Protein backbone atom coordinates (compact mmCIF):
# COMPACT_ATOMS: atom_id res chain seq x y z
CA MET A 1 6.52 -17.01 3.71
CA GLY A 2 9.85 -15.70 3.57
CA THR A 3 12.92 -17.10 1.51
CA LEU A 4 13.44 -20.56 2.43
CA ARG A 5 17.16 -22.08 3.74
CA THR A 6 18.40 -25.20 4.58
CA ARG A 7 20.25 -26.37 7.53
CA PRO A 8 21.93 -29.47 8.70
CA VAL A 9 20.58 -30.34 12.20
CA PHE A 10 22.26 -33.79 12.58
CA ASN A 11 24.47 -36.43 10.93
CA GLY A 12 25.17 -39.69 12.66
CA LEU A 13 24.20 -43.04 13.54
CA GLY A 14 22.80 -43.58 9.90
CA LEU A 15 20.48 -40.49 10.20
CA ARG A 16 20.52 -37.27 8.38
CA LEU A 17 18.26 -34.35 9.67
CA ILE A 18 17.92 -31.51 7.55
CA ALA A 19 15.81 -28.17 8.49
CA VAL A 20 13.83 -26.44 6.02
CA GLU A 21 13.12 -22.91 7.50
CA SER A 22 11.39 -19.63 6.45
CA VAL A 23 13.50 -16.74 6.71
CA GLU A 24 11.64 -13.39 6.79
CA VAL A 25 13.60 -9.45 6.80
CA ARG A 26 11.76 -6.35 6.88
CA HIS A 27 12.68 -2.67 7.57
CA ARG A 28 11.14 0.48 7.71
CA SER A 29 13.12 4.25 7.46
CA SER A 30 11.92 7.11 8.75
CA PRO A 31 13.25 10.86 9.51
CA GLY A 32 13.93 9.86 13.05
CA GLY A 33 16.10 6.37 12.00
CA CYS A 34 15.58 2.79 10.72
CA GLN A 35 13.98 -0.19 12.10
CA SER A 36 14.67 -3.67 10.86
CA TYR A 37 13.84 -6.98 12.18
CA GLY A 38 13.60 -10.66 11.39
CA SER A 39 12.08 -13.92 11.91
CA ILE A 40 13.33 -17.42 11.53
CA ARG A 41 10.40 -19.82 11.36
CA PRO A 42 10.64 -24.00 11.00
CA ILE A 43 8.85 -25.29 8.09
CA ALA A 44 9.55 -28.93 7.86
CA VAL A 45 12.63 -31.39 8.79
CA VAL A 46 13.66 -33.47 5.86
CA VAL A 47 14.91 -37.14 7.18
CA CYS A 48 17.82 -38.93 5.35
CA ARG A 49 17.86 -43.11 6.16
CA PRO A 50 19.65 -45.61 4.29
CA GLU A 51 15.88 -46.57 3.88
CA GLY A 52 14.17 -43.68 1.99
CA THR A 53 14.13 -40.11 2.66
CA TYR A 54 11.10 -38.15 3.80
CA ALA A 55 10.03 -34.80 4.83
CA LEU A 56 8.09 -34.02 8.10
CA ASP A 57 6.28 -30.55 8.50
CA MET A 58 6.22 -28.91 12.18
CA GLU A 59 3.27 -31.26 13.42
CA ALA A 60 5.29 -34.28 12.56
CA LYS A 61 3.05 -35.37 9.40
CA PRO A 62 4.04 -36.22 6.17
CA ALA A 63 5.25 -32.94 3.98
CA ASP A 64 5.60 -32.93 0.20
CA LEU A 65 9.18 -33.63 -0.25
CA ASP A 66 9.10 -32.72 -4.55
CA GLN A 67 7.35 -29.45 -3.21
CA LEU A 68 10.31 -28.52 -0.95
CA ARG A 69 12.48 -29.34 -3.64
CA ARG A 70 11.19 -26.96 -6.16
CA GLU A 71 10.72 -24.18 -3.84
CA LEU A 72 14.48 -24.54 -2.99
CA PRO A 73 16.95 -26.10 -5.43
CA GLU A 74 19.64 -26.00 -3.07
CA LEU A 75 18.34 -29.13 -1.17
CA ASP A 76 18.79 -31.36 -3.84
CA ALA A 77 22.65 -30.44 -3.33
CA LYS A 78 22.44 -31.09 0.28
CA LEU A 79 20.68 -34.70 -0.04
CA ALA A 80 22.97 -35.42 -2.69
CA SER A 81 26.21 -34.54 -0.68
CA SER A 82 26.67 -37.28 1.47
CA GLU A 83 25.25 -40.08 2.74
CA PRO A 84 23.93 -40.28 5.95
CA GLY A 85 25.88 -41.04 9.12
CA GLN A 86 29.39 -40.45 7.53
CA SER A 87 30.03 -37.59 10.12
CA SER A 88 28.23 -36.32 13.20
CA ASN A 89 27.31 -32.27 12.91
CA HIS A 90 25.12 -32.21 16.08
């Protein structure tokens, strides 16, 4: 797995969705030049509702939100930054 990052997906109507993605960048140098490529792979979606916050994996099964928080410290700041539904970012 690469570096994890968060990306806001939706914020409105009492619902906030935050994507958790794995980002990998690779490069290779040779005498003839340099090649670089990367990939972004979705890992989970964090769902924030007035009733609570939870995470789903890419098969829509419950994911371990505590583990995501440990692996991605910026997630706590994103969760605390605003209440669901205050602004629309879609």
